[in-house]
Amino acid sequence: MTEPREHNRYLRQETLPQIGPEGQGLLGAAHVAVVGCGALGCVSADLLARAGVGRLTLIDRDVVETVNLHRQTLFDQSQVGTPKAVAAHDRLVAVNPEIDLAARIADVVPANAEEIVGFGRPGAPAVLVDGTDNFETRFLLNDLSVKHGVALVYGGGIGTSGAVAVFGLPEGPCVRCVFDGPPAPGSQPTCESAGVLGPVTAAVGARQAALAIRAIVEPAWDDAALERFDLWAGVHTRVALERDPDCACCVRERFEFLDSPEAPAEATLCGRDAVQIPASGPVDLEALAARLGGSFAAGPFMLRGAIEDGRYELTVFGDGRAIVRGTRDPAEARTVHARYVGS
């Protein structure tokens, strides 16, 4: 029996000649992985869920903080301290219970990238949406995009400006055709140093969702471009992108970031007075909480509490990954972690 028009949540979208019932069917059969559920990922995941993308995998390593709430639109005050992937999942279940949603609390690194993102098993993603805040992960996602032949939707926002592009289209460029490698550490502004206008990240995330939808319903589309805009000044530019005939990644098929043998190092988190300690293996959170005592209590995904009279805040996840808040010095964070969790 045909569903009554008034019960079709996608009716207004299907009315678009660019989509129609056939395109909506393609969306319903598609899997999109949103890597990073911060400002960009919140907006793109929300719009993709509402658009009826059949399966969304939400991946993030961090927890919701009050400082996120001015621009990370899936979260509210009650979710502060909750893993972002879980908070986003719970909100989107309420938005669209018809689709398949999965939350992955993880840091995407070479050793786990293919498994975490969903490659190597049935129903692998057709599109990757980059909602990350660091260049190393972006280049790792580019390797995944090229290796598995899926589109990668890039986005970035800082200050009053944003940029967006789609890579991995048929015969189109990859990220390394345009940017050969990550910039030198400390050479780029961050949200902490330059600030960010909330509407900028909303605009970038919305454009990312539109590009992801187009890549699904129009798989032969190959009009790659880098779009830049300044919402404060009202300026928008678009530069066509072409494949580098000597690209190390998409032409020579060298996946230098995915195949990196190096273990992940401690990393200062963008926009925060905090350092991430890489995963060391599964942790018994209840036993660790009992040992630490004080303000620590184990939840289903992590434990969190203050140490050394509030000088530091320690968060430990089930896979052994930890965040030490109260310092930007990796060596200091490593010392604090070893003191309370173990080396």
C-alpha atoms as a PDB file:
ATOM      1  CA  MET A   1       0.000   0.000   0.000  1.00  0.00           C
ATOM      2  CA  THR A   2       1.317   3.450  -0.916  1.00  0.00           C
ATOM      3  CA  GLU A   3       2.032   5.673   2.053  1.00  0.00           C
ATOM      4  CA  PRO A   4      -0.298   8.699   2.315  1.00  0.00           C
ATOM      5  CA  ARG A   5       1.445  11.835   1.085  1.00  0.00           C
ATOM      6  CA  GLU A   6       0.973  13.582   4.417  1.00  0.00           C
ATOM      7  CA  HIS A   7       2.881  10.754   6.148  1.00  0.00           C
ATOM      8  CA  ASN A   8       5.890  10.969   3.833  1.00  0.00           C
ATOM      9  CA  ARG A   9       8.486  12.946   5.776  1.00  0.00           C
ATOM     10  CA  TYR A  10      10.601  13.351   2.618  1.00  0.00           C
ATOM     11  CA  LEU A  11       7.784  14.669   0.399  1.00  0.00           C
ATOM     12  CA  ARG A  12       9.157  18.199   0.001  1.00  0.00           C
ATOM     13  CA  GLN A  13      12.596  16.798  -0.807  1.00  0.00           C
ATOM     14  CA  GLU A  14      11.260  14.250  -3.313  1.00  0.00           C
ATOM     15  CA  THR A  15       9.462  17.091  -5.092  1.00  0.00           C
ATOM     16  CA  LEU A  16      12.846  18.480  -6.158  1.00  0.00           C
ATOM     17  CA  PRO A  17      13.627  17.461  -9.750  1.00  0.00           C
ATOM     18  CA  GLN A  18      17.241  16.857  -8.702  1.00  0.00           C
ATOM     19  CA  ILE A  19      16.120  14.120  -6.295  1.00  0.00           C
ATOM     20  CA  GLY A  20      12.654  12.703  -6.933  1.00  0.00           C
ATOM     21  CA  PRO A  21      11.557   9.268  -5.665  1.00  0.00           C
ATOM     22  CA  GLU A  22      14.538   7.574  -7.322  1.00  0.00           C
ATOM     23  CA  GLY A  23      17.045   9.832  -5.613  1.00  0.00           C
ATOM     24  CA  GLN A  24      15.250   9.405  -2.306  1.00  0.00           C
ATOM     25  CA  GLY A  25      15.602   5.669  -2.754  1.00  0.00           C
ATOM     26  CA  LEU A  26      19.336   6.085  -3.282  1.00  0.00           C
ATOM     27  CA  LEU A  27      19.565   8.149  -0.091  1.00  0.00           C
ATOM     28  CA  GLY A  28      17.642   5.518   1.843  1.00  0.00           C
ATOM     29  CA  ALA A  29      20.061   2.827   0.699  1.00  0.00           C
ATOM     30  CA  ALA A  30      23.205   4.872   1.412  1.00  0.00           C
ATOM     31  CA  HIS A  31      25.631   4.813   4.325  1.00  0.00           C
ATOM     32  CA  VAL A  32      27.455   8.013   5.316  1.00  0.00           C
ATOM     33  CA  ALA A  33      30.155   8.201   7.980  1.00  0.00           C
ATOM     34  CA  VAL A  34      30.435  11.563   9.761  1.00  0.00           C
ATOM     35  CA  VAL A  35      33.891  11.744  11.314  1.00  0.00           C
ATOM     36  CA  GLY A  36      33.865  14.401  14.008  1.00  0.00           C
ATOM     37  CA  CYS A  37      30.643  15.446  15.756  1.00  0.00           C
ATOM     38  CA  GLY A  38      31.675  18.980  16.602  1.00  0.00           C
ATOM     39  CA  ALA A  39      30.306  22.143  15.002  1.00  0.00           C
ATOM     40  CA  LEU A  40      30.450  20.910  11.393  1.00  0.00           C
ATOM     41  CA  GLY A  41      29.464  17.322  12.128  1.00  0.00           C
ATOM     42  CA  CYS A  42      26.443  18.375  14.199  1.00  0.00           C
ATOM     43  CA  VAL A  43      24.962  20.340  11.314  1.00  0.00           C
ATOM     44  CA  SER A  44      25.797  17.893   8.526  1.00  0.00           C
ATOM     45  CA  ALA A  45      24.655  14.824  10.508  1.00  0.00           C
ATOM     46  CA  ASP A  46      21.390  16.551  11.476  1.00  0.00           C
ATOM     47  CA  LEU A  47      20.580  17.454   7.879  1.00  0.00           C
ATOM     48  CA  LEU A  48      21.581  14.041   6.520  1.00  0.00           C
ATOM     49  CA  ALA A  49      19.390  12.308   9.102  1.00  0.00           C
ATOM     50  CA  ARG A  50      16.455  14.541   8.206  1.00  0.00           C
ATOM     51  CA  ALA A  51      17.114  13.906   4.503  1.00  0.00           C
ATOM     52  CA  GLY A  52      16.650  10.177   5.033  1.00  0.00           C
ATOM     53  CA  VAL A  53      20.162   8.827   4.553  1.00  0.00           C
ATOM     54  CA  GLY A  54      19.535   5.205   5.486  1.00  0.00           C
ATOM     55  CA  ARG A  55      22.558   4.677   7.690  1.00  0.00           C
ATOM     56  CA  LEU A  56      24.694   7.210   9.558  1.00  0.00           C
ATOM     57  CA  THR A  57      27.829   6.336  11.505  1.00  0.00           C
ATOM     58  CA  LEU A  58      28.768   9.078  13.984  1.00  0.00           C
ATOM     59  CA  ILE A  59      32.399   9.061  15.106  1.00  0.00           C
ATOM     60  CA  ASP A  60      33.975  11.341  17.685  1.00  0.00           C
ATOM     61  CA  ARG A  61      36.643  11.097  20.375  1.00  0.00           C
ATOM     62  CA  ASP A  62      35.541  13.950  22.633  1.00  0.00           C
ATOM     63  CA  VAL A  63      32.869  14.939  25.161  1.00  0.00           C
ATOM     64  CA  VAL A  64      30.401  17.829  25.138  1.00  0.00           C
ATOM     65  CA  GLU A  65      31.586  20.964  26.938  1.00  0.00           C
ATOM     66  CA  THR A  66      29.803  24.208  27.738  1.00  0.00           C
ATOM     67  CA  VAL A  67      32.129  26.106  25.393  1.00  0.00           C
ATOM     68  CA  ASN A  68      30.797  23.978  22.503  1.00  0.00           C
ATOM     69  CA  LEU A  69      27.161  24.982  22.885  1.00  0.00           C
ATOM     70  CA  HIS A  70      27.201  28.251  20.943  1.00  0.00           C
ATOM     71  CA  ARG A  71      27.788  26.372  17.686  1.00  0.00           C
ATOM     72  CA  GLN A  72      27.365  22.593  18.170  1.00  0.00           C
ATOM     73  CA  THR A  73      23.668  22.461  17.513  1.00  0.00           C
ATOM     74  CA  LEU A  74      22.806  18.864  18.436  1.00  0.00           C
ATOM     75  CA  PHE A  75      23.758  19.415  22.090  1.00  0.00           C
ATOM     76  CA  ASP A  76      22.275  21.172  25.088  1.00  0.00           C
ATOM     77  CA  GLN A  77      23.333  21.943  28.650  1.00  0.00           C
ATOM     78  CA  SER A  78      22.077  18.615  29.986  1.00  0.00           C
ATOM     79  CA  GLN A  79      24.566  16.739  27.774  1.00  0.00           C
ATOM     80  CA  VAL A  80      27.731  18.443  29.023  1.00  0.00           C
ATOM     81  CA  GLY A  81      30.170  15.664  29.891  1.00  0.00           C
ATOM     82  CA  THR A  82      28.528  13.145  27.540  1.00  0.00           C
ATOM     83  CA  PRO A  83      30.556  11.686  24.647  1.00  0.00           C
ATOM     84  CA  LYS A  84      29.645  13.702  21.562  1.00  0.00           C
ATOM     85  CA  ALA A  85      28.984  10.644  19.395  1.00  0.00           C
ATOM     86  CA  VAL A  86      26.477   9.343  21.969  1.00  0.00           C
ATOM     87  CA  ALA A  87      24.798  12.723  22.480  1.00  0.00           C
ATOM     88  CA  ALA A  88      24.480  13.202  18.712  1.00  0.00           C
ATOM     89  CA  HIS A  89      23.126   9.671  18.280  1.00  0.00           C
ATOM     90  CA  ASP A  90      20.474  10.146  20.969  1.00  0.00           C
ATOM     91  CA  ARG A  91      19.315  13.439  19.480  1.00  0.00           C
ATOM     92  CA  LEU A  92      19.126  12.070  15.923  1.00  0.00           C
ATOM     93  CA  VAL A  93      17.167   8.984  17.021  1.00  0.00           C
ATOM     94  CA  ALA A  94      14.489  11.430  18.138  1.00  0.00           C
ATOM     95  CA  VAL A  95      14.793  13.421  14.900  1.00  0.00           C
ATOM     96  CA  ASN A  96      14.389  10.429  12.572  1.00  0.00           C
ATOM     97  CA  PRO A  97      13.743   6.999  14.091  1.00  0.00           C
ATOM     98  CA  GLU A  98      13.412   5.473  10.602  1.00  0.00           C
ATOM     99  CA  ILE A  99      17.145   5.403   9.857  1.00  0.00           C
ATOM    100  CA  ASP A 100      19.996   3.289  11.217  1.00  0.00           C
ATOM    101  CA  LEU A 101      22.312   5.241  13.511  1.00  0.00           C
ATOM    102  CA  ALA A 102      25.586   4.056  15.050  1.00  0.00           C
ATOM    103  CA  ALA A 103      27.797   5.921  17.524  1.00  0.00           C
ATOM    104  CA  ARG A 104      31.523   5.207  17.743  1.00  0.00           C
ATOM    105  CA  ILE A 105      33.493   6.821  20.595  1.00  0.00           C
ATOM    106  CA  ALA A 106      36.965   6.649  19.107  1.00  0.00           C
ATOM    107  CA  ASP A 107      39.980   8.523  17.852  1.00  0.00           C
ATOM    108  CA  VAL A 108      40.479   7.649  14.172  1.00  0.00           C
ATOM    109  CA  VAL A 109      44.137   6.653  13.724  1.00  0.00           C
ATOM    110  CA  PRO A 110      45.928   4.496  11.116  1.00  0.00           C
ATOM    111  CA  ALA A 111      45.645   1.318  13.197  1.00  0.00           C
ATOM    112  CA  ASN A 112      41.842   1.474  13.493  1.00  0.00           C
ATOM    113  CA  ALA A 113      40.663   3.798  10.710  1.00  0.00           C
ATOM    114  CA  GLU A 114      39.222   1.249   8.298  1.00  0.00           C
ATOM    115  CA  GLU A 115      37.400  -0.694  11.011  1.00  0.00           C
ATOM    116  CA  ILE A 116      36.059   2.365  12.867  1.00  0.00           C
ATOM    117  CA  VAL A 117      34.803   4.102   9.719  1.00  0.00           C
ATOM    118  CA  GLY A 118      33.180   0.900   8.465  1.00  0.00           C
ATOM    119  CA  PHE A 119      35.256  -0.529   5.642  1.00  0.00           C
ATOM    120  CA  GLY A 120      35.971  -4.224   5.277  1.00  0.00           C
ATOM    121  CA  ARG A 121      32.422  -5.384   5.997  1.00  0.00           C
ATOM    122  CA  PRO A 122      29.061  -5.247   4.175  1.00  0.00           C
ATOM    123  CA  GLY A 123      27.407  -1.856   3.838  1.00  0.00           C
ATOM    124  CA  ALA A 124      30.578   0.254   3.852  1.00  0.00           C
ATOM    125  CA  PRO A 125      30.029   4.031   3.631  1.00  0.00           C
ATOM    126  CA  ALA A 126      29.525   5.641   0.231  1.00  0.00           C
ATOM    127  CA  VAL A 127      30.503   9.101   1.513  1.00  0.00           C
ATOM    128  CA  LEU A 128      32.804  10.361   4.270  1.00  0.00           C
ATOM    129  CA  VAL A 129      32.001  13.735   5.845  1.00  0.00           C
ATOM    130  CA  ASP A 130      35.012  15.424   7.424  1.00  0.00           C
ATOM    131  CA  GLY A 131      33.982  17.160  10.647  1.00  0.00           C
ATOM    132  CA  THR A 132      37.437  16.921  12.223  1.00  0.00           C
ATOM    133  CA  ASP A 133      39.600  19.636  13.726  1.00  0.00           C
ATOM    134  CA  ASN A 134      43.078  18.408  12.762  1.00  0.00           C
ATOM    135  CA  PHE A 135      44.940  17.975   9.496  1.00  0.00           C
ATOM    136  CA  GLU A 136      46.426  14.560  10.283  1.00  0.00           C
ATOM    137  CA  THR A 137      42.993  12.945  10.445  1.00  0.00           C
ATOM    138  CA  ARG A 138      41.895  14.759   7.281  1.00  0.00           C
ATOM    139  CA  PHE A 139      44.784  13.296   5.311  1.00  0.00           C
ATOM    140  CA  LEU A 140      44.035   9.884   6.803  1.00  0.00           C
ATOM    141  CA  LEU A 141      40.410  10.197   5.634  1.00  0.00           C
ATOM    142  CA  ASN A 142      41.680  11.145   2.195  1.00  0.00           C
ATOM    143  CA  ASP A 143      43.653   7.897   2.034  1.00  0.00           C
ATOM    144  CA  LEU A 144      40.487   5.990   2.955  1.00  0.00           C
ATOM    145  CA  SER A 145      38.493   7.872   0.328  1.00  0.00           C
ATOM    146  CA  VAL A 146      40.944   7.055  -2.465  1.00  0.00           C
ATOM    147  CA  LYS A 147      41.614   3.467  -1.396  1.00  0.00           C
ATOM    148  CA  HIS A 148      37.912   2.576  -1.192  1.00  0.00           C
ATOM    149  CA  GLY A 149      36.645   4.796  -3.995  1.00  0.00           C
ATOM    150  CA  VAL A 150      34.228   6.929  -1.983  1.00  0.00           C
ATOM    151  CA  ALA A 151      33.608  10.674  -1.870  1.00  0.00           C
ATOM    152  CA  LEU A 152      35.131  12.793   0.913  1.00  0.00           C
ATOM    153  CA  VAL A 153      33.380  16.049   1.819  1.00  0.00           C
ATOM    154  CA  TYR A 154      35.848  18.476   3.382  1.00  0.00           C
ATOM    155  CA  GLY A 155      34.883  21.479   5.483  1.00  0.00           C
ATOM    156  CA  GLY A 156      36.533  24.017   7.728  1.00  0.00           C
ATOM    157  CA  GLY A 157      35.531  27.160   9.585  1.00  0.00           C
ATOM    158  CA  ILE A 158      37.495  29.727  11.583  1.00  0.00           C
ATOM    159  CA  GLY A 159      36.760  33.317  12.540  1.00  0.00           C
ATOM    160  CA  THR A 160      34.097  34.555  10.125  1.00  0.00           C
ATOM    161  CA  SER A 161      35.304  32.443   7.168  1.00  0.00           C
ATOM    162  CA  GLY A 162      34.602  28.949   5.927  1.00  0.00           C
ATOM    163  CA  ALA A 163      35.683  26.568   3.183  1.00  0.00           C
ATOM    164  CA  VAL A 164      34.210  23.411   1.703  1.00  0.00           C
ATOM    165  CA  ALA A 165      35.058  20.987  -1.100  1.00  0.00           C
ATOM    166  CA  VAL A 166      34.268  17.464  -2.218  1.00  0.00           C
ATOM    167  CA  PHE A 167      37.095  15.117  -3.150  1.00  0.00           C
ATOM    168  CA  GLY A 168      37.132  11.597  -4.566  1.00  0.00           C
ATOM    169  CA  LEU A 169      34.590  12.212  -7.344  1.00  0.00           C
ATOM    170  CA  PRO A 170      35.028  10.175 -10.544  1.00  0.00           C
ATOM    171  CA  GLU A 171      38.236  11.345 -12.251  1.00  0.00           C
ATOM    172  CA  GLY A 172      38.384  14.199  -9.768  1.00  0.00           C
ATOM    173  CA  PRO A 173      41.163  15.266  -7.395  1.00  0.00           C
ATOM    174  CA  CYS A 174      41.911  14.059  -3.888  1.00  0.00           C
ATOM    175  CA  VAL A 175      42.999  16.225  -0.979  1.00  0.00           C
ATOM    176  CA  ARG A 176      46.687  15.688  -1.786  1.00  0.00           C
ATOM    177  CA  CYS A 177      46.226  17.025  -5.301  1.00  0.00           C
ATOM    178  CA  VAL A 178      45.517  20.382  -3.671  1.00  0.00           C
ATOM    179  CA  PHE A 179      47.378  20.190  -0.345  1.00  0.00           C
ATOM    180  CA  ASP A 180      50.483  18.019  -0.436  1.00  0.00           C
ATOM    181  CA  GLY A 181      50.614  17.496   3.339  1.00  0.00           C
ATOM    182  CA  PRO A 182      49.603  18.913   6.722  1.00  0.00           C
ATOM    183  CA  PRO A 183      50.927  22.394   7.575  1.00  0.00           C
ATOM    184  CA  ALA A 184      53.632  22.817  10.183  1.00  0.00           C
ATOM    185  CA  PRO A 185      52.337  22.478  13.769  1.00  0.00           C
ATOM    186  CA  GLY A 186      51.270  25.826  15.193  1.00  0.00           C
ATOM    187  CA  SER A 187      51.252  27.557  11.799  1.00  0.00           C
ATOM    188  CA  GLN A 188      47.452  27.718  11.446  1.00  0.00           C
ATOM    189  CA  PRO A 189      44.893  29.638  13.531  1.00  0.00           C
ATOM    190  CA  THR A 190      42.556  27.652  15.780  1.00  0.00           C
ATOM    191  CA  CYS A 191      39.151  28.293  17.306  1.00  0.00           C
ATOM    192  CA  GLU A 192      40.953  29.159  20.535  1.00  0.00           C
ATOM    193  CA  SER A 193      43.283  31.731  18.969  1.00  0.00           C
ATOM    194  CA  ALA A 194      40.961  33.233  16.343  1.00  0.00           C
ATOM    195  CA  GLY A 195      37.451  32.411  17.599  1.00  0.00           C
ATOM    196  CA  VAL A 196      34.621  31.231  15.377  1.00  0.00           C
ATOM    197  CA  LEU A 197      31.242  32.672  14.406  1.00  0.00           C
ATOM    198  CA  GLY A 198      28.479  30.128  14.965  1.00  0.00           C
ATOM    199  CA  PRO A 199      26.716  30.831  11.641  1.00  0.00           C
ATOM    200  CA  VAL A 200      29.970  30.062   9.806  1.00  0.00           C
ATOM    201  CA  THR A 201      30.084  26.473  11.032  1.00  0.00           C
ATOM    202  CA  ALA A 202      26.343  26.132  10.356  1.00  0.00           C
ATOM    203  CA  ALA A 203      26.862  27.292   6.774  1.00  0.00           C
ATOM    204  CA  VAL A 204      29.816  24.965   6.220  1.00  0.00           C
ATOM    205  CA  GLY A 205      27.993  21.973   7.711  1.00  0.00           C
ATOM    206  CA  ALA A 206      24.904  22.677   5.598  1.00  0.00           C
ATOM    207  CA  ARG A 207      26.967  22.880   2.427  1.00  0.00           C
ATOM    208  CA  GLN A 208      28.737  19.638   3.361  1.00  0.00           C
ATOM    209  CA  ALA A 209      25.365  17.916   3.728  1.00  0.00           C
ATOM    210  CA  ALA A 210      24.247  19.224   0.327  1.00  0.00           C
ATOM    211  CA  LEU A 211      27.443  17.947  -1.318  1.00  0.00           C
ATOM    212  CA  ALA A 212      27.072  14.560   0.363  1.00  0.00           C
ATOM    213  CA  ILE A 213      23.473  14.271  -0.838  1.00  0.00           C
ATOM    214  CA  ARG A 214      24.478  15.194  -4.384  1.00  0.00           C
ATOM    215  CA  ALA A 215      27.320  12.662  -4.377  1.00  0.00           C
ATOM    216  CA  ILE A 216      24.775   9.952  -3.472  1.00  0.00           C
ATOM    217  CA  VAL A 217      21.953  10.818  -5.887  1.00  0.00           C
ATOM    218  CA  GLU A 218      24.239  11.910  -8.767  1.00  0.00           C
ATOM    219  CA  PRO A 219      27.182   9.471  -8.658  1.00  0.00           C
ATOM    220  CA  ALA A 220      28.558  10.564 -12.050  1.00  0.00           C
ATOM    221  CA  TRP A 221      28.853  14.200 -10.918  1.00  0.00           C
ATOM    222  CA  ASP A 222      32.458  15.392 -11.257  1.00  0.00           C
ATOM    223  CA  ASP A 223      32.435  19.166 -10.728  1.00  0.00           C
ATOM    224  CA  ALA A 224      35.041  19.451  -7.973  1.00  0.00           C
ATOM    225  CA  ALA A 225      35.724  22.914  -6.561  1.00  0.00           C
ATOM    226  CA  LEU A 226      37.021  24.635  -3.440  1.00  0.00           C
ATOM    227  CA  GLU A 227      34.481  27.123  -2.118  1.00  0.00           C
ATOM    228  CA  ARG A 228      35.499  29.870   0.305  1.00  0.00           C
ATOM    229  CA  PHE A 229      33.298  32.471   1.932  1.00  0.00           C
ATOM    230  CA  ASP A 230      33.305  35.166   4.591  1.00  0.00           C
ATOM    231  CA  LEU A 231      29.866  35.473   6.193  1.00  0.00           C
ATOM    232  CA  TRP A 232      30.702  38.766   7.877  1.00  0.00           C
ATOM    233  CA  ALA A 233      31.866  40.447   4.662  1.00  0.00           C
ATOM    234  CA  GLY A 234      29.413  38.607   2.406  1.00  0.00           C
ATOM    235  CA  VAL A 235      32.152  37.392   0.041  1.00  0.00           C
ATOM    236  CA  HIS A 236      32.089  34.035  -1.754  1.00  0.00           C
ATOM    237  CA  THR A 237      34.644  32.548  -4.162  1.00  0.00           C
ATOM    238  CA  ARG A 238      34.785  29.237  -6.046  1.00  0.00           C
ATOM    239  CA  VAL A 239      37.898  27.717  -7.612  1.00  0.00           C
ATOM    240  CA  ALA A 240      37.705  24.651  -9.846  1.00  0.00           C
ATOM    241  CA  LEU A 241      39.942  21.751  -8.772  1.00  0.00           C
ATOM    242  CA  GLU A 242      41.710  19.248 -11.020  1.00  0.00           C
ATOM    243  CA  ARG A 243      43.575  16.015 -10.402  1.00  0.00           C
ATOM    244  CA  ASP A 244      47.355  16.290 -10.140  1.00  0.00           C
ATOM    245  CA  PRO A 245      48.691  13.831 -12.761  1.00  0.00           C
ATOM    246  CA  ASP A 246      51.581  13.014 -10.439  1.00  0.00           C
ATOM    247  CA  CYS A 247      49.629  12.863  -7.150  1.00  0.00           C
ATOM    248  CA  ALA A 248      51.250  10.514  -4.648  1.00  0.00           C
ATOM    249  CA  CYS A 249      47.850   9.326  -3.400  1.00  0.00           C
ATOM    250  CA  CYS A 250      45.167   9.112  -6.092  1.00  0.00           C
ATOM    251  CA  VAL A 251      47.545   8.526  -9.039  1.00  0.00           C
ATOM    252  CA  ARG A 252      50.434   6.592  -7.503  1.00  0.00           C
ATOM    253  CA  GLU A 253      48.245   4.961  -4.829  1.00  0.00           C
ATOM    254  CA  ARG A 254      50.609   5.579  -1.939  1.00  0.00           C
ATOM    255  CA  PHE A 255      48.563   5.739   1.250  1.00  0.00           C
ATOM    256  CA  GLU A 256      51.224   7.286   3.447  1.00  0.00           C
ATOM    257  CA  PHE A 257      48.901   8.369   6.256  1.00  0.00           C
ATOM    258  CA  LEU A 258      46.852   5.174   6.390  1.00  0.00           C
ATOM    259  CA  ASP A 259      49.943   2.964   6.203  1.00  0.00           C
ATOM    260  CA  SER A 260      51.904   4.941   8.794  1.00  0.00           C
ATOM    261  CA  PRO A 261      53.552   2.526  11.257  1.00  0.00           C
ATOM    262  CA  GLU A 262      53.878   5.182  13.940  1.00  0.00           C
ATOM    263  CA  ALA A 263      51.782   4.839  17.069  1.00  0.00           C
ATOM    264  CA  PRO A 264      49.556   7.861  17.769  1.00  0.00           C
ATOM    265  CA  ALA A 265      51.216  10.459  19.964  1.00  0.00           C
ATOM    266  CA  GLU A 266      49.809  12.705  22.634  1.00  0.00           C
ATOM    267  CA  ALA A 267      47.946  15.604  21.018  1.00  0.00           C
ATOM    268  CA  THR A 268      46.911  19.032  22.279  1.00  0.00           C
ATOM    269  CA  LEU A 269      43.186  19.356  21.533  1.00  0.00           C
ATOM    270  CA  CYS A 270      42.107  22.233  19.328  1.00  0.00           C
ATOM    271  CA  GLY A 271      40.626  25.133  21.230  1.00  0.00           C
ATOM    272  CA  ARG A 272      41.081  23.524  24.642  1.00  0.00           C
ATOM    273  CA  ASP A 273      43.510  23.565  27.519  1.00  0.00           C
ATOM    274  CA  ALA A 274      43.777  19.784  27.249  1.00  0.00           C
ATOM    275  CA  VAL A 275      45.914  16.948  25.883  1.00  0.00           C
ATOM    276  CA  GLN A 276      44.724  13.600  24.572  1.00  0.00           C
ATOM    277  CA  ILE A 277      46.614  10.458  25.598  1.00  0.00           C
ATOM    278  CA  PRO A 278      46.260   7.685  22.960  1.00  0.00           C
ATOM    279  CA  ALA A 279      44.441   4.434  23.669  1.00  0.00           C
ATOM    280  CA  SER A 280      46.501   1.784  25.427  1.00  0.00           C
ATOM    281  CA  GLY A 281      43.955  -1.061  25.597  1.00  0.00           C
ATOM    282  CA  PRO A 282      40.644  -1.787  27.353  1.00  0.00           C
ATOM    283  CA  VAL A 283      40.221  -0.374  30.852  1.00  0.00           C
ATOM    284  CA  ASP A 284      37.959  -1.626  33.637  1.00  0.00           C
ATOM    285  CA  LEU A 285      36.313   1.726  34.310  1.00  0.00           C
ATOM    286  CA  GLU A 286      34.570   0.660  37.525  1.00  0.00           C
ATOM    287  CA  ALA A 287      37.787  -0.686  39.018  1.00  0.00           C
ATOM    288  CA  LEU A 288      39.687   2.448  38.021  1.00  0.00           C
ATOM    289  CA  ALA A 289      36.981   4.702  39.483  1.00  0.00           C
ATOM    290  CA  ALA A 290      37.101   2.763  42.758  1.00  0.00           C
ATOM    291  CA  ARG A 291      40.882   3.128  42.866  1.00  0.00           C
ATOM    292  CA  LEU A 292      40.840   6.863  42.117  1.00  0.00           C
ATOM    293  CA  GLY A 293      37.945   7.561  44.505  1.00  0.00           C
ATOM    294  CA  GLY A 294      37.024  11.179  45.206  1.00  0.00           C
ATOM    295  CA  SER A 295      34.911  12.732  42.460  1.00  0.00           C
ATOM    296  CA  PHE A 296      35.353   9.818  40.035  1.00  0.00           C
ATOM    297  CA  ALA A 297      32.449   7.608  39.047  1.00  0.00           C
ATOM    298  CA  ALA A 298      32.316   5.194  36.138  1.00  0.00           C
ATOM    299  CA  GLY A 299      29.638   5.621  33.482  1.00  0.00           C
ATOM    300  CA  PRO A 300      28.864   3.330  30.545  1.00  0.00           C
ATOM    301  CA  PHE A 301      31.444   4.991  28.302  1.00  0.00           C
ATOM    302  CA  MET A 302      33.996   6.748  30.493  1.00  0.00           C
ATOM    303  CA  LEU A 303      34.930   8.101  33.888  1.00  0.00           C
ATOM    304  CA  ARG A 304      35.763  11.691  34.716  1.00  0.00           C
ATOM    305  CA  GLY A 305      36.910  13.620  37.758  1.00  0.00           C
ATOM    306  CA  ALA A 306      39.178  16.269  39.216  1.00  0.00           C
ATOM    307  CA  ILE A 307      42.634  15.546  40.632  1.00  0.00           C
ATOM    308  CA  GLU A 308      45.318  17.443  42.529  1.00  0.00           C
ATOM    309  CA  ASP A 309      42.871  19.868  44.153  1.00  0.00           C
ATOM    310  CA  GLY A 310      41.199  20.662  40.855  1.00  0.00           C
ATOM    311  CA  ARG A 311      44.368  21.564  38.997  1.00  0.00           C
ATOM    312  CA  TYR A 312      43.634  18.866  36.424  1.00  0.00           C
ATOM    313  CA  GLU A 313      40.567  17.068  35.141  1.00  0.00           C
ATOM    314  CA  LEU A 314      41.044  13.492  33.971  1.00  0.00           C
ATOM    315  CA  THR A 315      38.720  11.680  31.544  1.00  0.00           C
ATOM    316  CA  VAL A 316      39.355   8.002  30.710  1.00  0.00           C
ATOM    317  CA  PHE A 317      37.442   6.088  28.017  1.00  0.00           C
ATOM    318  CA  GLY A 318      36.837   2.354  27.850  1.00  0.00           C
ATOM    319  CA  ASP A 319      39.518   1.797  25.201  1.00  0.00           C
ATOM    320  CA  GLY A 320      42.153   3.359  27.461  1.00  0.00           C
ATOM    321  CA  ARG A 321      42.229   6.713  25.700  1.00  0.00           C
ATOM    322  CA  ALA A 322      42.367   9.656  28.111  1.00  0.00           C
ATOM    323  CA  ILE A 323      42.095  13.435  28.140  1.00  0.00           C
ATOM    324  CA  VAL A 324      44.036  15.469  30.672  1.00  0.00           C
ATOM    325  CA  ARG A 325      42.582  18.953  31.044  1.00  0.00           C
ATOM    326  CA  GLY A 326      44.562  21.738  32.703  1.00  0.00           C
ATOM    327  CA  THR A 327      47.668  21.734  30.532  1.00  0.00           C
ATOM    328  CA  ARG A 328      48.720  22.063  26.900  1.00  0.00           C
ATOM    329  CA  ASP A 329      52.068  20.369  27.501  1.00  0.00           C
ATOM    330  CA  PRO A 330      52.065  16.725  26.290  1.00  0.00           C
ATOM    331  CA  ALA A 331      54.926  15.808  28.632  1.00  0.00           C
ATOM    332  CA  GLU A 332      53.082  17.196  31.646  1.00  0.00           C
ATOM    333  CA  ALA A 333      49.878  15.422  30.608  1.00  0.00           C
ATOM    334  CA  ARG A 334      51.783  12.150  30.182  1.00  0.00           C
ATOM    335  CA  THR A 335      53.185  12.501  33.689  1.00  0.00           C
ATOM    336  CA  VAL A 336      49.750  13.160  35.193  1.00  0.00           C
ATOM    337  CA  HIS A 337      48.282  10.209  33.318  1.00  0.00           C
ATOM    338  CA  ALA A 338      51.042   7.844  34.448  1.00  0.00           C
ATOM    339  CA  ARG A 339      50.629   8.993  38.041  1.00  0.00           C
ATOM    340  CA  TYR A 340      46.906   8.210  38.238  1.00  0.00           C
ATOM    341  CA  VAL A 341      46.190   5.646  35.515  1.00  0.00           C
ATOM    342  CA  GLY A 342      49.544   4.022  34.852  1.00  0.00           C
ATOM    343  CA  SER A 343      51.962   4.078  31.950  1.00  0.00           C
END
